[in-house]
């Protein structure tokens, strides 16, 4: 099978970029031919660049031409779009349609139903634009980058392509990462029959090959930003007399203020900031941890960090919200707590700390969940089954167009 991948990278590297490279490697390891059309937002620097990007986001003839040329050269059986926003634009779907090549789109976020793509505003879940063909609330609140002008451009992109049927007709299959996300995208207006649930995967971690023990510390791994709600975790320590050692891995806009907060509260002996770590170091930290804390206050579409913990036999304390509550089974592979509630989180952390045998059992269950749902082998079977289905459905249409 020949697969053409299409991806628009953001300026700050994230989970989407990791998934693109992982799936590319997975396909190549199974003897498929893979080509990648990739563009980066690094070129958006000046005010003029931003203005041009806003126009390109709605429709980019240059991107359509670029993808059309690659299709003509590579002759793929299927095109898999990971991200088209903002520089590639939905014009890439037209290139595929003109060539009669079926399209699969992975929905890594909630962009098709929310201008800021995370269904969060002012620290609270927001669904005001979900299902609206013209997302006026997002424009009024400047939800995209805090700018009404840029929000209006993003809203125009969504509205234009809802009206011309791009999302309904020019994509043969959507891949979402959980059942929760599927329901939200149906609310946004995507056709249910075209949505397939396929989680992300991680390879077997060498660092976690030994039997897991009840470790020495609690662990947080993630971006230090408001939607990840690391502040809820810090508040749990400040107001509930927690003394469980905590290691925080990651960087982000809240790093300095969080460190100052910890110092002011006299918690330096309990809470250690380790900054950004490579994947090998993160997995080693997971192997030696008691549990992972995942306190996000937004509808995480997946949370690859939780699956990494599962692979290491590490139970997860997660917000009882969205996909997190779906991935982590309360009392089985970890514990749930109310999103944003530091007292509830403190209670669950204290319980976990005082019940090592139960947590070790949950860690074993987490490892079994990884083996059942999140290995490369299982992911490969799911991904290629989706590809084959859209190829088989598209064959009659393709014959008609080429005759």
Protein backbone atom coordinates (compact mmCIF):
# COMPACT_ATOMS: atom_id res chain seq x y z
CA UNK A 1 0.00 0.00 0.00
CA UNK A 2 1.23 3.49 -0.83
CA UNK A 3 0.30 6.15 1.72
CA UNK A 4 0.75 9.90 1.39
CA UNK A 5 0.84 11.71 4.76
CA UNK A 6 0.06 15.43 4.99
CA UNK A 7 0.91 17.51 8.04
CA UNK A 8 1.15 21.18 9.02
CA UNK A 9 3.51 21.44 12.02
CA UNK A 10 2.93 24.08 14.67
CA UNK A 11 5.74 26.35 15.90
CA UNK A 12 5.81 24.55 19.24
CA UNK A 13 6.29 20.83 18.70
CA UNK A 14 3.58 18.71 20.26
CA UNK A 15 1.91 15.33 20.39
CA UNK A 16 0.60 15.58 16.82
CA UNK A 17 4.13 15.70 15.43
CA UNK A 18 5.08 12.65 17.50
CA UNK A 19 2.07 10.71 16.20
CA UNK A 20 2.80 11.57 12.56
CA UNK A 21 6.36 10.28 12.79
CA UNK A 22 5.28 7.22 14.79
CA UNK A 23 2.63 6.19 12.27
CA UNK A 24 5.00 6.83 9.37
CA UNK A 25 7.60 4.56 10.98
CA UNK A 26 4.95 1.94 11.74
CA UNK A 27 3.79 1.79 8.13
CA UNK A 28 7.34 1.67 6.77
CA UNK A 29 8.25 -1.10 9.22
CA UNK A 30 5.44 -3.14 7.68
CA UNK A 31 6.73 -2.63 4.12
CA UNK A 32 4.35 0.11 2.99
CA UNK A 33 5.64 2.95 0.84
CA UNK A 34 5.13 6.28 2.61
CA UNK A 35 5.63 9.85 1.45
CA UNK A 36 5.22 12.94 3.63
CA UNK A 37 4.16 16.44 2.62
CA UNK A 38 4.99 18.62 5.60
CA UNK A 39 5.00 22.35 6.17
CA UNK A 40 5.91 24.31 9.30
CA UNK A 41 4.39 27.37 10.95
CA UNK A 42 7.95 28.56 11.69
CA UNK A 43 7.67 30.72 8.58
CA UNK A 44 4.89 32.78 10.23
CA UNK A 45 6.93 35.53 11.87
CA UNK A 46 5.92 39.05 10.83
CA UNK A 47 2.56 40.80 10.85
CA UNK A 48 2.44 40.34 7.07
CA UNK A 49 3.12 36.62 7.51
CA UNK A 50 0.18 36.37 9.90
CA UNK A 51 -2.09 38.21 7.48
CA UNK A 52 -1.07 35.90 4.64
CA UNK A 53 -1.57 32.86 6.87
CA UNK A 54 -5.10 34.01 7.69
CA UNK A 55 -5.93 34.15 3.97
CA UNK A 56 -4.22 30.81 3.26
CA UNK A 57 -6.13 29.15 6.11
CA UNK A 58 -9.38 29.56 4.18
CA UNK A 59 -8.05 28.22 0.89
CA UNK A 60 -4.52 27.89 -0.44
CA UNK A 61 -4.21 27.28 -4.20
CA UNK A 62 -0.45 26.85 -3.71
CA UNK A 63 -0.99 24.00 -1.25
CA UNK A 64 -3.49 22.36 -3.56
CA UNK A 65 -0.96 22.53 -6.37
CA UNK A 66 1.80 21.14 -4.14
CA UNK A 67 -0.32 18.16 -3.04
CA UNK A 68 -1.59 17.56 -6.59
CA UNK A 69 2.00 17.36 -7.83
CA UNK A 70 2.95 14.93 -5.07
CA UNK A 71 -0.07 12.73 -5.83
CA UNK A 72 0.82 12.67 -9.54
CA UNK A 73 4.41 11.73 -8.71
CA UNK A 74 3.84 9.24 -5.86
CA UNK A 75 0.45 7.83 -6.97
CA UNK A 76 -0.77 6.90 -3.46
CA UNK A 77 -3.58 4.49 -2.69
CA UNK A 78 -4.74 6.71 0.16
CA UNK A 79 -3.95 10.18 1.55
CA UNK A 80 -3.85 10.60 5.32
CA UNK A 81 -4.15 14.20 6.51
CA UNK A 82 -3.06 14.88 10.08
CA UNK A 83 -3.22 18.68 10.18
CA UNK A 84 -4.01 21.20 7.44
CA UNK A 85 -4.25 24.34 9.63
CA UNK A 86 -3.35 27.05 8.88
CA UNK A 87 -0.94 27.02 5.93
CA UNK A 88 -1.96 23.93 3.98
CA UNK A 89 -5.70 24.64 4.29
CA UNK A 90 -8.65 22.42 3.27
CA UNK A 91 -7.58 22.90 -0.35
CA UNK A 92 -5.56 19.69 0.06
CA UNK A 93 -8.84 17.75 0.06
CA UNK A 94 -9.69 19.15 -3.37
CA UNK A 95 -6.36 17.96 -4.70
CA UNK A 96 -7.20 14.45 -3.52
CA UNK A 97 -10.75 14.64 -4.89
CA UNK A 98 -9.53 15.77 -8.31
CA UNK A 99 -7.12 12.82 -8.42
CA UNK A 100 -9.73 10.34 -7.19
CA UNK A 101 -7.68 9.36 -4.13
CA UNK A 102 -9.54 8.58 -0.86
CA UNK A 103 -8.82 10.78 2.16
CA UNK A 104 -8.45 9.89 5.83
CA UNK A 105 -8.26 12.72 8.37
CA UNK A 106 -7.05 12.26 11.93
CA UNK A 107 -8.81 14.70 14.26
CA UNK A 108 -6.11 15.53 16.79
CA UNK A 109 -8.10 18.34 18.44
CA UNK A 110 -11.50 20.05 18.33
CA UNK A 111 -10.66 22.66 15.65
CA UNK A 112 -13.66 21.77 13.48
CA UNK A 113 -15.97 22.78 16.32
CA UNK A 114 -13.92 25.32 18.30
CA UNK A 115 -11.70 28.21 17.24
CA UNK A 116 -9.03 27.54 19.86
CA UNK A 117 -9.34 23.78 19.26
CA UNK A 118 -9.56 22.79 22.95
CA UNK A 119 -13.15 23.66 23.98
CA UNK A 120 -11.85 25.74 26.88
CA UNK A 121 -12.33 29.41 27.73
CA UNK A 122 -11.28 31.27 30.88
CA UNK A 123 -10.25 28.04 32.56
CA UNK A 124 -13.59 26.32 32.01
CA UNK A 125 -14.98 23.89 29.45
CA UNK A 126 -16.79 25.85 26.74
CA UNK A 127 -19.04 24.40 24.03
CA UNK A 128 -20.62 27.67 22.88
CA UNK A 129 -19.49 27.20 19.26
CA UNK A 130 -19.96 23.44 19.01
CA UNK A 131 -22.37 22.71 16.16
CA UNK A 132 -22.55 26.34 14.94
CA UNK A 133 -21.75 26.82 11.27
CA UNK A 134 -20.59 30.35 12.02
CA UNK A 135 -18.91 30.33 15.46
CA UNK A 136 -19.77 33.88 16.51
CA UNK A 137 -19.06 33.42 20.24
CA UNK A 138 -15.47 32.49 19.45
CA UNK A 139 -15.04 35.67 17.42
CA UNK A 140 -16.56 37.86 20.14
CA UNK A 141 -14.27 36.35 22.79
CA UNK A 142 -11.20 36.33 20.54
CA UNK A 143 -10.70 32.65 21.24
CA UNK A 144 -7.99 32.10 18.64
CA UNK A 145 -4.76 33.59 20.00
CA UNK A 146 -6.70 36.25 21.93
CA UNK A 147 -7.39 38.12 18.69
CA UNK A 148 -10.81 38.88 17.24
CA UNK A 149 -9.27 39.44 13.81
CA UNK A 150 -7.48 36.09 13.79
CA UNK A 151 -10.55 34.44 15.31
CA UNK A 152 -12.68 35.87 12.51
CA UNK A 153 -10.31 34.44 9.90
CA UNK A 154 -10.43 30.99 11.54
CA UNK A 155 -14.22 31.21 11.80
CA UNK A 156 -14.41 32.11 8.11
CA UNK A 157 -12.37 29.01 7.24
CA UNK A 158 -14.76 26.79 9.21
CA UNK A 159 -17.92 28.45 7.87
CA UNK A 160 -16.85 28.45 4.21
CA UNK A 161 -16.05 24.75 4.28
CA UNK A 162 -19.20 23.79 6.14
CA UNK A 163 -21.16 25.61 3.44
CA UNK A 164 -19.31 24.01 0.53
CA UNK A 165 -19.58 20.55 2.11
CA UNK A 166 -15.85 20.03 2.53
CA UNK A 167 -16.06 18.32 5.92
CA UNK A 168 -19.11 16.25 4.93
CA UNK A 169 -18.13 15.18 1.39
CA UNK A 170 -14.40 15.52 0.75
CA UNK A 171 -13.16 13.34 3.61
CA UNK A 172 -13.82 9.61 3.36
CA UNK A 173 -12.99 8.74 6.97
CA UNK A 174 -12.19 10.60 10.18
CA UNK A 175 -10.02 9.03 12.85
CA UNK A 176 -10.70 10.13 16.42
CA UNK A 177 -8.88 8.89 19.49
CA UNK A 178 -11.68 8.01 21.92
CA UNK A 179 -15.44 7.43 21.96
CA UNK A 180 -15.85 10.65 23.93
CA UNK A 181 -14.14 12.63 21.18
CA UNK A 182 -16.30 10.91 18.59
CA UNK A 183 -19.48 12.15 20.27
CA UNK A 184 -18.13 15.71 20.43
CA UNK A 185 -17.26 15.67 16.73
CA UNK A 186 -20.73 14.36 15.89
CA UNK A 187 -22.08 17.32 17.88
CA UNK A 188 -19.82 19.54 15.80
CA UNK A 189 -21.51 18.19 12.67
CA UNK A 190 -19.25 15.48 11.27
CA UNK A 191 -21.12 12.46 9.83
CA UNK A 192 -21.15 9.70 12.44
CA UNK A 193 -20.82 6.94 9.85
CA UNK A 194 -17.46 8.31 8.72
CA UNK A 195 -15.88 8.48 12.18
CA UNK A 196 -13.59 5.67 13.34
CA UNK A 197 -12.13 5.37 16.84
CA UNK A 198 -8.43 4.49 16.81
CA UNK A 199 -6.22 5.50 19.75
CA UNK A 200 -2.58 6.47 19.47
CA UNK A 201 0.08 3.96 20.42
CA UNK A 202 3.54 3.76 21.92
CA UNK A 203 6.27 1.20 21.37
CA UNK A 204 7.30 -1.16 24.15
CA UNK A 205 9.43 0.88 26.59
CA UNK A 206 12.75 -0.82 27.31
CA UNK A 207 13.04 1.10 30.57
CA UNK A 208 9.87 -0.53 31.89
CA UNK A 209 10.66 -4.15 31.12
CA UNK A 210 11.21 -5.11 34.77
CA UNK A 211 8.40 -5.79 37.23
CA UNK A 212 6.91 -2.54 38.53
CA UNK A 213 7.21 -1.72 42.23
CA UNK A 214 5.55 0.95 44.36
CA UNK A 215 7.95 3.78 43.65
CA UNK A 216 9.38 6.70 45.59
CA UNK A 217 7.37 9.68 44.32
CA UNK A 218 4.31 11.01 42.51
CA UNK A 219 4.92 12.20 38.96
CA UNK A 220 3.55 14.87 36.62
CA UNK A 221 4.59 14.93 32.96
CA UNK A 222 3.28 17.61 30.63
CA UNK A 223 3.30 21.17 29.44
CA UNK A 224 3.18 23.71 32.26
CA UNK A 225 0.22 25.63 30.85
CA UNK A 226 -3.23 26.59 32.18
CA UNK A 227 -5.24 23.85 30.43
CA UNK A 228 -3.02 21.14 31.97
CA UNK A 229 -4.03 22.49 35.41
CA UNK A 230 -0.71 21.89 37.10
CA UNK A 231 -1.91 24.65 39.44
CA UNK A 232 -4.54 22.24 40.82
CA UNK A 233 -1.73 19.86 41.76
CA UNK A 234 0.30 22.59 43.46
CA UNK A 235 -2.81 23.77 45.33
CA UNK A 236 -3.37 20.21 46.56
CA UNK A 237 0.01 20.43 48.29
CA UNK A 238 -0.41 23.97 49.59
CA UNK A 239 -3.75 23.55 51.33
CA UNK A 240 -3.89 19.88 52.30
CA UNK A 241 -0.55 19.25 54.00
CA UNK A 242 0.61 16.73 51.40
CA UNK A 243 4.20 15.61 51.81
CA UNK A 244 4.34 12.92 49.12
CA UNK A 245 7.49 13.56 47.05
CA UNK A 246 6.49 15.00 43.67
CA UNK A 247 8.55 15.32 40.52
CA UNK A 248 7.33 17.67 37.78
CA UNK A 249 8.60 17.07 34.24
CA UNK A 250 7.96 19.65 31.53
CA UNK A 251 8.21 23.30 30.65
CA UNK A 252 5.83 26.04 29.62
CA UNK A 253 4.50 29.54 30.33
CA UNK A 254 3.69 28.80 33.98
CA UNK A 255 7.10 27.42 34.90
CA UNK A 256 8.54 30.45 36.69
CA UNK A 257 5.34 31.40 38.52
CA UNK A 258 4.85 27.81 39.73
CA UNK A 259 8.38 27.62 41.06
CA UNK A 260 7.90 30.91 42.88
CA UNK A 261 4.63 29.64 44.31
CA UNK A 262 6.27 26.46 45.59
CA UNK A 263 9.11 28.40 47.17
CA UNK A 264 6.73 30.85 48.85
CA UNK A 265 4.78 27.94 50.33
CA UNK A 266 7.96 26.27 51.64
CA UNK A 267 7.39 23.15 49.54
CA UNK A 268 10.81 22.89 47.87
CA UNK A 269 11.67 19.73 49.80
CA UNK A 270 8.55 17.94 48.51
CA UNK A 271 8.18 19.30 44.96
CA UNK A 272 11.02 19.17 42.43
CA UNK A 273 10.92 20.74 38.96
CA UNK A 274 12.97 18.68 36.50
CA UNK A 275 12.26 20.71 33.37
CA UNK A 276 12.02 19.15 29.94
CA UNK A 277 13.33 15.57 29.73
CA UNK A 278 13.86 13.24 26.80
CA UNK A 279 11.62 10.22 26.28
CA UNK A 280 14.07 7.76 27.79
CA UNK A 281 14.37 9.79 30.99
CA UNK A 282 10.59 10.18 31.25
CA UNK A 283 10.03 6.44 30.97
CA UNK A 284 12.70 5.77 33.60
CA UNK A 285 10.96 8.23 35.92
CA UNK A 286 7.67 6.44 35.30
CA UNK A 287 9.20 3.10 36.17
CA UNK A 288 10.28 4.42 39.57
CA UNK A 289 7.14 6.45 40.38
CA UNK A 290 4.19 5.53 42.62
CA UNK A 291 1.59 7.00 40.29
CA UNK A 292 1.15 9.60 37.56
CA UNK A 293 -1.07 12.64 38.12
CA UNK A 294 -2.94 13.91 35.05
CA UNK A 295 -5.03 16.92 36.20
CA UNK A 296 -6.10 18.56 32.91
CA UNK A 297 -9.22 20.72 32.93
CA UNK A 298 -9.90 20.51 29.18
CA UNK A 299 -11.33 17.68 27.09
CA UNK A 300 -8.00 16.01 26.31
CA UNK A 301 -8.45 14.21 23.01
CA UNK A 302 -6.16 11.43 24.19
CA UNK A 303 -3.23 11.99 26.55
CA UNK A 304 -0.29 9.96 25.26
CA UNK A 305 1.42 10.37 28.64
CA UNK A 306 -1.25 8.22 30.29
CA UNK A 307 -0.62 5.40 27.82
CA UNK A 308 3.14 5.69 28.43
CA UNK A 309 2.37 5.26 32.13
CA UNK A 310 0.20 2.23 31.37
CA UNK A 311 3.04 0.66 29.38
CA UNK A 312 5.27 1.08 32.43
CA UNK A 313 2.68 -0.49 34.73
CA UNK A 314 2.08 2.88 36.40
CA UNK A 315 -1.46 3.73 37.59
CA UNK A 316 -2.84 7.17 36.77
CA UNK A 317 -4.79 9.67 38.86
CA UNK A 318 -6.81 11.54 36.24
CA UNK A 319 -9.50 14.21 36.05
CA UNK A 320 -13.00 12.77 35.80
CA UNK A 321 -13.49 14.53 32.49
CA UNK A 322 -13.83 13.62 28.83
CA UNK A 323 -11.37 11.16 27.32
CA UNK A 324 -9.32 10.96 30.51
CA UNK A 325 -12.22 9.31 32.32
CA UNK A 326 -12.56 6.90 29.38
CA UNK A 327 -8.91 5.86 29.22
CA UNK A 328 -8.38 5.55 33.01
CA UNK A 329 -10.88 3.17 34.60
CA UNK A 330 -11.59 4.33 38.15
CA UNK A 331 -10.41 1.81 40.72
CA UNK A 332 -9.00 -0.47 38.01
CA UNK A 333 -6.14 1.31 36.20
CA UNK A 334 -6.08 4.37 38.44
CA UNK A 335 -8.31 6.83 40.25
CA UNK A 336 -10.58 9.69 39.17
CA UNK A 337 -10.91 13.07 40.86
CA UNK A 338 -13.05 16.09 40.09
CA UNK A 339 -11.34 18.29 37.51
CA UNK A 340 -9.93 21.47 39.08
CA UNK A 341 -10.74 20.31 42.65
CA UNK A 342 -7.45 20.37 44.58
CA UNK A 343 -9.02 18.97 47.77
CA UNK A 344 -10.41 15.96 45.92
CA UNK A 345 -7.07 15.43 44.21
CA UNK A 346 -5.28 15.60 47.58
CA UNK A 347 -7.65 13.01 49.01
CA UNK A 348 -7.02 10.63 46.12
CA UNK A 349 -3.26 11.13 46.30
CA UNK A 350 -3.27 10.46 50.03
CA UNK A 351 -5.36 7.31 49.55
CA UNK A 352 -3.05 6.09 46.81
CA UNK A 353 -0.01 6.74 48.96
CA UNK A 354 -1.50 4.76 51.86
CA UNK A 355 -2.59 1.76 49.77
CA UNK A 356 0.52 0.51 47.95
CA UNK A 357 -0.80 -3.01 47.32
CA UNK A 358 -3.96 -1.70 45.66
CA UNK A 359 -1.93 0.70 43.53
CA UNK A 360 0.46 -2.05 42.45
CA UNK A 361 -2.59 -4.08 41.38
CA UNK A 362 -3.92 -1.10 39.41
CA UNK A 363 -0.50 -0.76 37.79
CA UNK A 364 -0.69 -4.37 36.61
CA UNK A 365 -4.15 -3.68 35.21
CA UNK A 366 -2.77 -0.59 33.46
CA UNK A 367 -0.09 -2.70 31.83
CA UNK A 368 -2.73 -5.18 30.64
CA UNK A 369 -4.75 -2.26 29.21
CA UNK A 370 -1.67 -1.16 27.26
CA UNK A 371 -1.16 -4.66 25.87
CA UNK A 372 -4.84 -4.90 24.88
CA UNK A 373 -5.28 -1.50 23.23
CA UNK A 374 -2.14 0.57 22.68
CA UNK A 375 0.65 -1.54 21.16
CA UNK A 376 2.12 -0.93 17.69
CA UNK A 377 0.78 -4.26 16.44
CA UNK A 378 -2.82 -3.48 17.39
CA UNK A 379 -2.56 0.06 16.07
CA UNK A 380 -1.21 -1.14 12.74
CA UNK A 381 -4.12 -3.51 12.30
CA UNK A 382 -6.64 -0.76 13.11
CA UNK A 383 -4.99 1.83 10.87
CA UNK A 384 -4.63 -0.37 7.80
CA UNK A 385 -8.18 -1.69 8.21
CA UNK A 386 -9.45 1.91 7.97
CA UNK A 387 -7.24 2.55 4.94
CA UNK A 388 -8.46 -0.60 3.20
CA UNK A 389 -12.09 0.22 3.86
CA UNK A 390 -11.91 3.68 2.31
CA UNK A 391 -9.89 2.33 -0.62
CA UNK A 392 -12.49 -0.37 -1.30
CA UNK A 393 -15.35 2.13 -1.07
CA UNK A 394 -13.57 4.59 -3.35
CA UNK A 395 -12.68 2.10 -6.10
CA UNK A 396 -15.97 2.33 -8.04
CA UNK A 397 -15.93 6.14 -7.89
CA UNK A 398 -12.31 6.22 -8.97
CA UNK A 399 -13.07 4.01 -12.01
CA UNK A 400 -15.91 6.34 -13.03
CA UNK A 401 -13.66 9.42 -12.84
CA UNK A 402 -10.88 7.84 -14.85
CA UNK A 403 -13.13 6.55 -17.65
